[in-house]
Protein backbone atom coordinates (compact mmCIF):
# COMPACT_ATOMS: atom_id res chain seq x y z
CA UNK A 1 -127.26 84.67 96.18
CA UNK A 2 -124.86 86.82 98.13
CA UNK A 3 -122.67 89.22 96.19
CA UNK A 4 -119.02 90.18 96.60
CA UNK A 5 -118.20 91.13 92.99
CA UNK A 6 -117.67 94.87 93.48
CA UNK A 7 -118.81 97.79 95.61
CA UNK A 8 -121.34 99.32 93.22
CA UNK A 9 -123.65 96.41 92.46
CA UNK A 10 -126.47 97.78 94.60
CA UNK A 11 -128.12 101.16 94.15
CA UNK A 12 -127.75 104.06 96.54
CA UNK A 13 -127.30 103.88 100.29
CA UNK A 14 -130.74 104.38 101.93
CA UNK A 15 -129.77 107.73 103.47
CA UNK A 16 -128.53 108.96 100.10
CA UNK A 17 -131.61 107.69 98.29
CA UNK A 18 -133.91 109.21 100.90
CA UNK A 19 -132.29 112.60 100.29
CA UNK A 20 -132.85 112.25 96.54
CA UNK A 21 -136.49 111.21 96.94
CA UNK A 22 -137.15 113.96 99.49
CA UNK A 23 -135.97 116.59 97.01
CA UNK A 24 -137.24 114.98 93.83
CA UNK A 25 -139.90 117.62 93.16
CA UNK A 26 -137.63 120.57 93.90
CA UNK A 27 -136.77 122.50 90.74
CA UNK A 28 -133.33 124.05 90.43
CA UNK A 29 -130.96 125.45 87.86
CA UNK A 30 -128.88 122.85 86.01
CA UNK A 31 -125.22 121.90 85.76
CA UNK A 32 -124.49 122.26 89.48
CA UNK A 33 -125.70 125.85 89.83
CA UNK A 34 -128.01 125.00 92.71
CA UNK A 35 -128.10 125.28 96.49
CA UNK A 36 -127.56 121.54 97.02
CA UNK A 37 -124.24 121.64 95.17
CA UNK A 38 -123.23 124.88 96.89
CA UNK A 39 -123.91 123.39 100.34
CA UNK A 40 -122.16 120.11 99.46
CA UNK A 41 -119.09 121.99 98.26
CA UNK A 42 -118.96 123.96 101.50
CA UNK A 43 -119.20 120.75 103.55
CA UNK A 44 -116.42 119.14 101.51
CA UNK A 45 -114.13 122.17 101.90
CA UNK A 46 -114.74 122.11 105.65
CA UNK A 47 -114.05 118.36 105.91
CA UNK A 48 -110.83 118.75 103.89
CA UNK A 49 -109.66 121.81 105.80
CA UNK A 50 -109.32 123.69 102.50
CA UNK A 51 -111.62 126.73 102.55
CA UNK A 52 -110.34 128.00 99.19
CA UNK A 53 -110.35 124.71 97.27
CA UNK A 54 -112.20 124.36 94.00
CA UNK A 55 -114.77 121.53 94.07
CA UNK A 56 -116.30 120.03 90.93
CA UNK A 57 -118.91 117.27 90.72
CA UNK A 58 -118.49 114.72 87.96
CA UNK A 59 -120.38 111.62 86.88
CA UNK A 60 -117.99 108.65 87.11
CA UNK A 61 -114.43 107.63 87.89
CA UNK A 62 -113.14 107.04 84.37
CA UNK A 63 -114.47 110.41 83.17
CA UNK A 64 -112.96 112.04 86.23
CA UNK A 65 -109.49 110.56 85.72
CA UNK A 66 -109.32 111.28 82.01
CA UNK A 67 -110.72 114.81 82.38
CA UNK A 68 -108.54 115.88 85.33
CA UNK A 69 -105.39 114.52 83.71
CA UNK A 70 -106.29 116.11 80.38
CA UNK A 71 -106.60 119.42 82.24
CA UNK A 72 -103.31 119.32 84.11
CA UNK A 73 -101.13 117.78 81.39
CA UNK A 74 -99.61 119.66 78.47
CA UNK A 75 -100.39 118.18 75.03
CA UNK A 76 -97.10 116.28 74.91
CA UNK A 77 -97.11 115.17 78.57
CA UNK A 78 -97.69 111.77 80.09
CA UNK A 79 -98.56 110.71 83.63
CA UNK A 80 -96.47 108.54 85.94
CA UNK A 81 -98.40 105.65 87.49
CA UNK A 82 -97.78 102.18 88.87
CA UNK A 83 -98.03 99.31 86.39
CA UNK A 84 -101.14 98.05 88.20
CA UNK A 85 -102.77 101.51 88.36
CA UNK A 86 -106.42 101.73 87.40
CA UNK A 87 -105.70 104.18 84.57
CA UNK A 88 -103.14 101.75 83.15
CA UNK A 89 -105.16 98.56 83.45
CA UNK A 90 -108.92 98.99 83.83
CA UNK A 91 -109.99 102.19 82.07
CA UNK A 92 -109.90 101.06 78.45
CA UNK A 93 -107.10 103.46 77.58
CA UNK A 94 -109.19 106.53 78.44
CA UNK A 95 -106.15 108.62 79.35
CA UNK A 96 -104.37 107.65 76.13
CA UNK A 97 -107.53 108.33 74.11
CA UNK A 98 -107.13 112.01 74.96
CA UNK A 99 -103.48 112.02 73.96
CA UNK A 100 -101.57 111.37 77.19
CA UNK A 101 -99.34 108.36 77.64
CA UNK A 102 -99.35 106.46 80.93
CA UNK A 103 -95.71 106.19 82.03
CA UNK A 104 -95.84 102.98 84.03
CA UNK A 105 -93.30 102.35 86.79
CA UNK A 106 -92.95 99.17 88.84
CA UNK A 107 -95.54 98.90 91.59
CA UNK A 108 -94.79 97.62 95.07
CA UNK A 109 -98.03 96.01 96.23
CA UNK A 110 -99.71 98.50 93.93
CA UNK A 111 -97.80 101.52 95.23
CA UNK A 112 -95.24 103.85 93.70
CA UNK A 113 -91.93 104.25 95.53
CA UNK A 114 -91.02 107.91 96.06
CA UNK A 115 -87.30 107.29 95.50
CA UNK A 116 -87.99 105.54 92.19
CA UNK A 117 -90.25 108.39 91.05
CA UNK A 118 -87.53 110.88 91.98
CA UNK A 119 -84.91 108.87 90.07
CA UNK A 120 -87.17 108.62 87.01
CA UNK A 121 -87.71 112.39 86.95
CA UNK A 122 -84.02 113.16 87.43
CA UNK A 123 -82.94 110.66 84.78
CA UNK A 124 -85.51 111.95 82.29
CA UNK A 125 -84.17 115.50 82.29
CA UNK A 126 -80.55 114.31 82.49
CA UNK A 127 -81.04 112.68 79.07
CA UNK A 128 -79.91 115.02 76.31
CA UNK A 129 -82.69 113.67 74.07
CA UNK A 130 -85.56 114.26 76.53
CA UNK A 131 -87.25 116.70 74.15
CA UNK A 132 -87.92 113.75 71.85
CA UNK A 133 -89.76 111.85 74.59
CA UNK A 134 -93.10 112.07 76.39
CA UNK A 135 -92.51 114.30 79.40
CA UNK A 136 -93.77 113.27 82.86
CA UNK A 137 -96.33 115.97 83.60
CA UNK A 138 -98.06 114.51 86.66
CA UNK A 139 -97.96 111.64 89.12
CA UNK A 140 -101.06 109.49 89.60
CA UNK A 141 -101.77 107.27 92.59
CA UNK A 142 -104.97 105.92 94.11
CA UNK A 143 -105.95 105.61 97.74
CA UNK A 144 -106.54 102.72 98.22
CA UNK A 145 -104.57 101.25 95.34
CA UNK A 146 -106.03 98.96 92.71
CA UNK A 147 -104.86 96.09 94.92
CA UNK A 148 -106.55 97.36 98.07
CA UNK A 149 -103.29 98.44 99.69
CA UNK A 150 -102.65 101.77 101.39
CA UNK A 151 -99.94 104.38 101.39
CA UNK A 152 -98.79 105.25 104.89
CA UNK A 153 -98.69 108.90 105.90
CA UNK A 154 -94.90 108.82 105.62
CA UNK A 155 -95.06 107.35 102.11
CA UNK A 156 -97.54 110.01 101.01
CA UNK A 157 -95.40 112.77 102.48
CA UNK A 158 -92.32 111.47 100.68
CA UNK A 159 -94.14 111.22 97.35
CA UNK A 160 -95.68 114.67 97.78
CA UNK A 161 -92.25 116.11 98.57
CA UNK A 162 -90.77 114.57 95.41
CA UNK A 163 -93.57 116.00 93.28
CA UNK A 164 -93.21 119.47 94.75
CA UNK A 165 -89.44 119.42 94.41
CA UNK A 166 -89.89 118.69 90.70
CA UNK A 167 -92.86 121.08 90.33
CA UNK A 168 -95.12 118.28 89.13
CA UNK A 169 -98.74 117.83 90.30
CA UNK A 170 -99.71 114.85 92.46
CA UNK A 171 -103.17 113.53 91.59
CA UNK A 172 -104.93 111.05 93.87
CA UNK A 173 -107.73 108.83 92.59
CA UNK A 174 -110.14 108.43 95.50
CA UNK A 175 -112.73 106.11 93.98
CA UNK A 176 -112.70 104.12 97.25
CA UNK A 177 -111.37 106.94 99.41
CA UNK A 178 -113.83 106.30 102.23
CA UNK A 179 -112.76 102.68 102.48
CA UNK A 180 -109.10 103.68 102.46
CA UNK A 181 -109.52 106.30 105.16
CA UNK A 182 -111.53 103.88 107.30
CA UNK A 183 -108.74 101.30 107.09
CA UNK A 184 -105.77 103.64 107.45
CA UNK A 185 -104.15 104.01 110.87
CA UNK A 186 -102.64 107.41 110.14
CA UNK A 187 -103.99 109.10 106.97
CA UNK A 188 -106.94 111.49 107.18
CA UNK A 189 -108.96 113.35 104.57
CA UNK A 190 -107.12 116.54 105.54
CA UNK A 191 -103.80 114.75 104.89
CA UNK A 192 -105.00 113.77 101.40
CA UNK A 193 -105.96 117.39 100.71
CA UNK A 194 -102.71 118.75 102.16
CA UNK A 195 -100.36 116.42 100.31
CA UNK A 196 -101.97 116.33 96.86
CA UNK A 197 -102.64 119.04 94.31
CA UNK A 198 -105.91 117.55 93.13
CA UNK A 199 -107.86 114.47 94.22
CA UNK A 200 -111.37 113.15 94.09
CA UNK A 201 -113.75 111.85 96.70
CA UNK A 202 -115.39 108.76 95.25
CA UNK A 203 -119.14 108.41 95.38
CA UNK A 204 -120.06 105.61 92.97
CA UNK A 205 -118.19 102.94 94.97
CA UNK A 206 -119.19 104.45 98.30
CA UNK A 207 -122.97 104.33 98.12
CA UNK A 208 -123.99 107.00 95.60
CA UNK A 209 -126.09 106.24 92.56
CA UNK A 210 -123.27 107.90 90.65
CA UNK A 211 -120.90 110.78 91.08
CA UNK A 212 -117.44 111.87 92.20
CA UNK A 213 -116.26 115.12 93.81
CA UNK A 214 -113.00 116.60 92.47
CA UNK A 215 -111.13 118.75 94.99
CA UNK A 216 -108.35 120.99 93.70
CA UNK A 217 -106.25 122.82 96.27
CA UNK A 218 -104.52 124.81 93.51
CA UNK A 219 -107.15 126.78 91.64
CA UNK A 220 -104.64 127.68 88.91
CA UNK A 221 -104.23 123.99 88.09
CA UNK A 222 -107.64 123.54 86.42
CA UNK A 223 -108.35 126.60 84.26
CA UNK A 224 -111.67 126.62 82.37
CA UNK A 225 -112.33 123.23 83.91
CA UNK A 226 -116.12 123.23 83.55
CA UNK A 227 -115.78 123.67 79.78
CA UNK A 228 -113.35 120.76 79.61
CA UNK A 229 -115.65 118.65 81.78
CA UNK A 230 -118.48 119.26 79.36
CA UNK A 231 -116.28 118.46 76.36
CA UNK A 232 -115.44 115.14 78.03
CA UNK A 233 -119.13 114.31 78.55
CA UNK A 234 -118.63 114.36 82.31
CA UNK A 235 -121.17 117.01 83.31
CA UNK A 236 -124.63 116.07 84.56
CA UNK A 237 -127.38 118.43 83.40
CA UNK A 238 -129.39 117.62 86.52
CA UNK A 239 -126.32 118.41 88.57
CA UNK A 240 -128.30 118.83 91.77
CA UNK A 241 -128.48 115.01 91.99
CA UNK A 242 -124.75 114.98 92.68
CA UNK A 243 -124.96 117.81 95.18
CA UNK A 244 -127.78 116.10 97.08
CA UNK A 245 -125.79 112.90 97.39
CA UNK A 246 -122.57 114.55 98.56
CA UNK A 247 -124.48 116.75 100.99
CA UNK A 248 -125.86 113.53 102.48
CA UNK A 249 -122.39 111.93 102.54
CA UNK A 250 -120.94 114.80 104.55
CA UNK A 251 -123.84 115.06 106.98
CA UNK A 252 -123.76 112.99 110.19
CA UNK A 253 -120.46 111.36 109.15
CA UNK A 254 -122.26 109.12 106.62
CA UNK A 255 -119.29 108.85 104.24
CA UNK A 256 -116.98 107.47 106.92
CA UNK A 257 -119.71 105.30 108.46
CA UNK A 258 -120.09 103.57 105.08
CA UNK A 259 -116.33 103.07 104.84
CA UNK A 260 -116.01 101.65 108.36
CA UNK A 261 -118.92 99.27 107.79
CA UNK A 262 -117.49 97.81 104.58
CA UNK A 263 -113.96 97.47 105.97
CA UNK A 264 -115.12 95.78 109.17
CA UNK A 265 -117.05 93.14 107.22
CA UNK A 266 -114.18 92.66 104.76
CA UNK A 267 -111.82 91.88 107.63
CA UNK A 268 -114.33 89.42 109.04
CA UNK A 269 -114.55 87.79 105.61
CA UNK A 270 -110.76 87.58 105.48
CA UNK A 271 -110.63 86.01 108.93
CA UNK A 272 -113.16 83.36 107.87
CA UNK A 273 -111.13 82.42 104.80
CA UNK A 274 -107.85 82.34 106.72
CA UNK A 275 -109.45 80.14 109.38
CA UNK A 276 -110.00 77.54 106.64
CA UNK A 277 -106.35 77.68 105.63
CA UNK A 278 -106.65 79.96 102.61
CA UNK A 279 -103.89 82.53 102.19
CA UNK A 280 -104.40 86.03 100.73
CA UNK A 281 -102.03 86.80 97.86
CA UNK A 282 -102.28 90.53 98.60
CA UNK A 283 -102.27 91.90 102.13
CA UNK A 284 -105.18 94.34 101.83
CA UNK A 285 -106.63 96.04 104.91
CA UNK A 286 -109.52 97.54 102.93
CA UNK A 287 -112.85 96.34 101.53
CA UNK A 288 -111.14 94.34 98.76
CA UNK A 289 -109.81 90.92 99.76
CA UNK A 290 -107.72 88.79 97.39
CA UNK A 291 -107.30 85.04 97.83
CA UNK A 292 -106.00 82.02 95.95
CA UNK A 293 -108.62 79.24 96.11
CA UNK A 294 -108.78 75.73 94.70
CA UNK A 295 -111.04 75.62 91.68
CA UNK A 296 -113.36 73.09 93.30
CA UNK A 297 -113.84 75.51 96.20
CA UNK A 298 -114.56 78.34 93.75
CA UNK A 299 -117.10 76.20 91.91
CA UNK A 300 -118.84 75.22 95.14
CA UNK A 301 -118.97 78.77 96.49
CA UNK A 302 -120.25 80.03 93.14
CA UNK A 303 -123.48 78.11 93.64
CA UNK A 304 -124.51 80.61 96.31
CA UNK A 305 -122.10 83.54 96.09
CA UNK A 306 -120.73 85.79 93.36
CA UNK A 307 -117.20 87.19 93.28
CA UNK A 308 -114.59 87.94 90.64
CA UNK A 309 -111.62 86.10 89.21
CA UNK A 310 -108.49 88.25 89.47
CA UNK A 311 -106.93 87.13 86.22
CA UNK A 312 -107.49 83.96 84.20
CA UNK A 313 -108.74 80.75 85.80
CA UNK A 314 -105.85 78.45 86.66
CA UNK A 315 -105.52 74.72 86.08
CA UNK A 316 -106.09 73.69 89.71
CA UNK A 317 -106.43 76.97 91.61
CA UNK A 318 -107.25 80.58 90.79
CA UNK A 319 -106.98 84.05 92.21
CA UNK A 320 -110.24 85.70 93.19
CA UNK A 321 -111.38 88.97 94.73
CA UNK A 322 -114.12 89.53 97.31
CA UNK A 323 -115.44 93.08 97.77
CA UNK A 324 -117.71 94.37 100.52
CA UNK A 325 -119.81 97.55 100.45
CA UNK A 326 -122.48 99.49 102.31
CA UNK A 327 -124.94 96.80 101.19
CA UNK A 328 -122.98 93.88 102.67
CA UNK A 329 -124.55 92.53 105.86
CA UNK A 330 -123.45 90.46 108.82
CA UNK A 331 -125.72 87.72 107.48
CA UNK A 332 -123.86 87.75 104.14
CA UNK A 333 -120.58 87.07 105.92
CA UNK A 334 -122.20 84.38 108.09
CA UNK A 335 -123.56 82.69 104.96
CA UNK A 336 -120.13 82.72 103.34
CA UNK A 337 -118.65 81.25 106.53
CA UNK A 338 -121.20 78.44 106.45
CA UNK A 339 -120.45 77.75 102.78
CA UNK A 340 -116.76 77.45 103.61
């Protein structure tokens, strides 16, 4: 079988795993108080162009989103996000579980529109009864979006400007950040760091065994954050495992090499499907590709390939998603082409 279900089906990228194995017998202090984490944080600050940023290693994406938002939101605050946002659809209500409502706005191919966010914020405080409502305390986006689409640099700058004009933090979910940066024609990691208040560099979906790196360019935004991380169950006792992996990611350009590899194969996969007359229902330039296929085609492909339905199975045709990763090979794409 060849697999296109998601980008964390396989274990760790060989270079990441080699680094873990190489240092397996090294004994260090726990909870990230080790030289591996210190070096990884320095490499991340350098790559982001933010020498004074706070960097925190966490275990997984859902814990990261719920913990960061719990830290930056007041008890009665909610977070603005697109209707299709990961925190609104695929995180089992984790944000709400900790007492913060997701304030969903219409998404445009998965993206928030800066003008609509600005209007929402203005209208909220223009309402005489706003004190009786959940206040918008932050704006959440992901790069790429849940639908594999990308914000342009201009769109990010507009959204960042709106947030700063309203004194509201912009938080960027970077679970697939490497794939987004590899596919973007104009957004860099330094742009992400410059335009957001806090974001995370995804590891789990980028070739780590587990782990995400939170980068906060405003140190005042996450007070007593380690304690809150621990309360959320998001701290790894053997924290050096996260430092080792992120040190490997930011050595020899590995993080971006992984992203470029997955995106290149995803675009080849898309080309193969389009050559057979299939039309994507979302125009994604990243490692996620979304197509509407006839059910008989899905059933035939499923004999040798795995991928996900994107919603319920239809009567005659269904929407499906194909995802590439560091583990995807040229032979995998060739096999899919032959199956088509």
